[in-house]
C-alpha atoms as a PDB file:
ATOM      1  CA  MET A   1     108.475  85.255  75.119  1.00  0.00           C
ATOM      2  CA  GLY A   2     107.643  85.902  78.799  1.00  0.00           C
ATOM      3  CA  VAL A   3     104.500  87.366  80.195  1.00  0.00           C
ATOM      4  CA  ASP A   4     104.062  90.516  82.200  1.00  0.00           C
ATOM      5  CA  LEU A   5     104.173  89.565  85.885  1.00  0.00           C
ATOM      6  CA  GLN A   6     101.679  92.252  86.855  1.00  0.00           C
ATOM      7  CA  ALA A   7      99.238  91.003  84.221  1.00  0.00           C
ATOM      8  CA  LYS A   8      99.720  87.465  85.471  1.00  0.00           C
ATOM      9  CA  ILE A   9      99.089  88.558  89.054  1.00  0.00           C
ATOM     10  CA  CYS A  10      96.161  90.874  88.367  1.00  0.00           C
ATOM     11  CA  HIS A  11      94.438  89.223  85.405  1.00  0.00           C
ATOM     12  CA  ASN A  12      91.683  87.891  87.613  1.00  0.00           C
ATOM     13  CA  ASP A  13      89.391  90.142  89.657  1.00  0.00           C
ATOM     14  CA  THR A  14      89.294  87.561  92.426  1.00  0.00           C
ATOM     15  CA  MET A  15      92.961  88.193  93.036  1.00  0.00           C
ATOM     16  CA  ASN A  16      92.204  91.455  94.831  1.00  0.00           C
ATOM     17  CA  GLN A  17      93.423  89.732  97.952  1.00  0.00           C
ATOM     18  CA  GLU A  18      97.114  89.581  97.060  1.00  0.00           C
ATOM     19  CA  LYS A  19      97.862  85.949  96.324  1.00  0.00           C
ATOM     20  CA  LYS A  20     101.296  84.671  97.196  1.00  0.00           C
ATOM     21  CA  ILE A  21     103.070  83.093  94.235  1.00  0.00           C
ATOM     22  CA  GLN A  22     105.290  80.347  95.629  1.00  0.00           C
ATOM     23  CA  LEU A  23     108.694  80.003  94.029  1.00  0.00           C
ATOM     24  CA  PRO A  24     109.482  76.567  92.597  1.00  0.00           C
ATOM     25  CA  GLU A  25     111.542  74.361  94.893  1.00  0.00           C
ATOM     26  CA  PHE A  26     114.384  74.083  92.370  1.00  0.00           C
ATOM     27  CA  LEU A  27     115.136  77.787  92.970  1.00  0.00           C
ATOM     28  CA  ARG A  28     115.839  77.263  96.691  1.00  0.00           C
ATOM     29  CA  PRO A  29     119.659  76.993  96.282  1.00  0.00           C
ATOM     30  CA  TYR A  30     119.777  80.494  94.800  1.00  0.00           C
ATOM     31  CA  PHE A  31     118.171  82.000  97.907  1.00  0.00           C
ATOM     32  CA  TRP A  32     120.395  80.414 100.561  1.00  0.00           C
ATOM     33  CA  ASP A  33     120.732  83.664 102.479  1.00  0.00           C
ATOM     34  CA  VAL A  34     117.031  84.397 103.001  1.00  0.00           C
ATOM     35  CA  ALA A  35     113.987  82.514 104.279  1.00  0.00           C
ATOM     36  CA  PHE A  36     113.003  80.881 100.980  1.00  0.00           C
ATOM     37  CA  ASP A  37     109.466  79.997 102.076  1.00  0.00           C
ATOM     38  CA  LYS A  38     108.767  83.637 102.932  1.00  0.00           C
ATOM     39  CA  ILE A  39     109.781  85.083  99.555  1.00  0.00           C
ATOM     40  CA  GLU A  40     106.761  86.574  97.828  1.00  0.00           C
ATOM     41  CA  LEU A  41     107.166  87.050  94.112  1.00  0.00           C
ATOM     42  CA  THR A  42     104.368  89.617  94.074  1.00  0.00           C
ATOM     43  CA  LYS A  43     106.167  91.774  96.665  1.00  0.00           C
ATOM     44  CA  ASN A  44     109.787  91.312  95.552  1.00  0.00           C
ATOM     45  CA  PRO A  45     109.859  90.576  91.818  1.00  0.00           C
ATOM     46  CA  GLN A  46     113.059  92.538  91.147  1.00  0.00           C
ATOM     47  CA  PHE A  47     114.929  90.718  93.926  1.00  0.00           C
ATOM     48  CA  VAL A  48     113.883  87.328  92.561  1.00  0.00           C
ATOM     49  CA  LEU A  49     114.616  88.239  88.948  1.00  0.00           C
ATOM     50  CA  LYS A  50     118.029  89.682  89.773  1.00  0.00           C
ATOM     51  CA  ARG A  51     119.063  86.626  91.772  1.00  0.00           C
ATOM     52  CA  VAL A  52     117.902  84.163  89.121  1.00  0.00           C
ATOM     53  CA  LEU A  53     119.459  86.056  86.206  1.00  0.00           C
ATOM     54  CA  ASP A  54     122.753  86.481  88.030  1.00  0.00           C
ATOM     55  CA  ARG A  55     123.108  83.002  89.527  1.00  0.00           C
ATOM     56  CA  GLY A  56     120.583  80.686  87.909  1.00  0.00           C
ATOM     57  CA  ASP A  57     121.221  77.674  85.722  1.00  0.00           C
ATOM     58  CA  THR A  58     119.397  76.972  82.453  1.00  0.00           C
ATOM     59  CA  LYS A  59     116.274  75.648  84.189  1.00  0.00           C
ATOM     60  CA  ALA A  60     116.103  78.691  86.472  1.00  0.00           C
ATOM     61  CA  LEU A  61     116.595  81.085  83.546  1.00  0.00           C
ATOM     62  CA  LEU A  62     113.839  79.383  81.555  1.00  0.00           C
ATOM     63  CA  TRP A  63     111.542  79.800  84.565  1.00  0.00           C
ATOM     64  CA  ALA A  64     112.454  83.504  84.814  1.00  0.00           C
ATOM     65  CA  ILE A  65     111.790  84.035  81.102  1.00  0.00           C
ATOM     66  CA  SER A  66     108.388  82.398  81.496  1.00  0.00           C
ATOM     67  CA  MET A  67     107.501  84.607  84.480  1.00  0.00           C
ATOM     68  CA  PHE A  68     108.932  87.974  83.408  1.00  0.00           C
ATOM     69  CA  ASP A  69     108.634  89.784  80.108  1.00  0.00           C
ATOM     70  CA  ASN A  70     111.563  91.330  78.248  1.00  0.00           C
ATOM     71  CA  SER A  71     110.713  94.823  79.457  1.00  0.00           C
ATOM     72  CA  SER A  72     111.045  93.659  83.089  1.00  0.00           C
ATOM     73  CA  ILE A  73     114.481  92.241  82.356  1.00  0.00           C
ATOM     74  CA  ALA A  74     115.494  95.389  80.461  1.00  0.00           C
ATOM     75  CA  LYS A  75     114.285  97.552  83.353  1.00  0.00           C
ATOM     76  CA  LEU A  76     116.343  95.482  85.794  1.00  0.00           C
ATOM     77  CA  ILE A  77     119.577  95.732  83.824  1.00  0.00           C
ATOM     78  CA  THR A  78     119.142  99.475  83.276  1.00  0.00           C
ATOM     79  CA  THR A  79     118.487 100.227  86.955  1.00  0.00           C
ATOM     80  CA  SER A  80     120.611  97.773  88.940  1.00  0.00           C
ATOM     81  CA  ARG A  81     124.183  98.622  89.816  1.00  0.00           C
ATOM     82  CA  ASP A  82     125.042  95.274  91.362  1.00  0.00           C
ATOM     83  CA  LEU A  83     124.476  92.747  88.589  1.00  0.00           C
ATOM     84  CA  SER A  84     127.559  90.917  87.411  1.00  0.00           C
ATOM     85  CA  THR A  85     129.093  92.353  84.263  1.00  0.00           C
ATOM     86  CA  LYS A  86     128.655  88.991  82.501  1.00  0.00           C
ATOM     87  CA  THR A  87     124.930  88.962  83.256  1.00  0.00           C
ATOM     88  CA  ALA A  88     124.474  92.591  82.257  1.00  0.00           C
ATOM     89  CA  ASN A  89     126.428  92.180  79.014  1.00  0.00           C
ATOM     90  CA  PHE A  90     124.512  89.027  78.059  1.00  0.00           C
ATOM     91  CA  TRP A  91     121.062  90.504  78.623  1.00  0.00           C
ATOM     92  CA  ALA A  92     121.964  93.851  77.050  1.00  0.00           C
ATOM     93  CA  ASP A  93     123.029  91.949  73.917  1.00  0.00           C
ATOM     94  CA  MET A  94     119.970  89.673  73.972  1.00  0.00           C
ATOM     95  CA  LEU A  95     117.521  92.561  74.374  1.00  0.00           C
ATOM     96  CA  ASN A  96     119.403  95.106  72.231  1.00  0.00           C
ATOM     97  CA  VAL A  97     119.804  97.476  75.184  1.00  0.00           C
ATOM     98  CA  ASP A  98     122.403 100.211  74.743  1.00  0.00           C
ATOM     99  CA  LYS A  99     125.207  99.322  77.169  1.00  0.00           C
ATOM    100  CA  VAL A 100     125.686 103.004  77.994  1.00  0.00           C
ATOM    101  CA  THR A 101     122.339 102.769  79.833  1.00  0.00           C
ATOM    102  CA  VAL A 102     123.440  99.794  81.956  1.00  0.00           C
ATOM    103  CA  PRO A 103     124.814 101.176  85.266  1.00  0.00           C
ATOM    104  CA  CYS A 104     126.878  98.176  86.291  1.00  0.00           C
ATOM    105  CA  LEU A 105     128.818  98.355  83.017  1.00  0.00           C
ATOM    106  CA  GLN A 106     129.873 101.964  83.559  1.00  0.00           C
ATOM    107  CA  LYS A 107     133.109 103.043  85.166  1.00  0.00           C
ATOM    108  CA  PRO A 108     132.700 104.514  88.657  1.00  0.00           C
ATOM    109  CA  TYR A 109     132.441 108.289  88.829  1.00  0.00           C
ATOM    110  CA  SER A 110     135.405 108.584  91.174  1.00  0.00           C
ATOM    111  CA  ARG A 111     138.161 106.256  92.202  1.00  0.00           C
ATOM    112  CA  ILE A 112     138.077 105.122  95.797  1.00  0.00           C
ATOM    113  CA  PRO A 113     141.599 105.361  97.206  1.00  0.00           C
ATOM    114  CA  PHE A 114     142.781 102.345  99.135  1.00  0.00           C
ATOM    115  CA  GLY A 115     145.676 102.336 101.555  1.00  0.00           C
ATOM    116  CA  PRO A 116     147.614 105.347 102.802  1.00  0.00           C
ATOM    117  CA  SER A 117     147.361 108.388 100.568  1.00  0.00           C
ATOM    118  CA  ASN A 118     150.347 110.562  99.787  1.00  0.00           C
END
């Protein structure tokens, strides 16, 4: 479905000077909290993928699928603790990833007490 981002970035020998891949303008609303024009896909692919998978609309998700392969998405959901449970469940089902390996779907190791303790 998608292509390997590293292969896309490095497929040409002339790309030894790291070329900045500009994010499409329609993704700007998903990066309201950072300087959008300074985001470099080659330097922060996991940040971009996580944001788009968690908050993107259909157009944004189709872009992400075209830029990242399934193994990149699987790696993200099996290493990130701060994806939404809906996003993690959806992609685990789509990619047949065992939900036991998805950190954000696991119960916390210890309860954090709130308020005065007795």
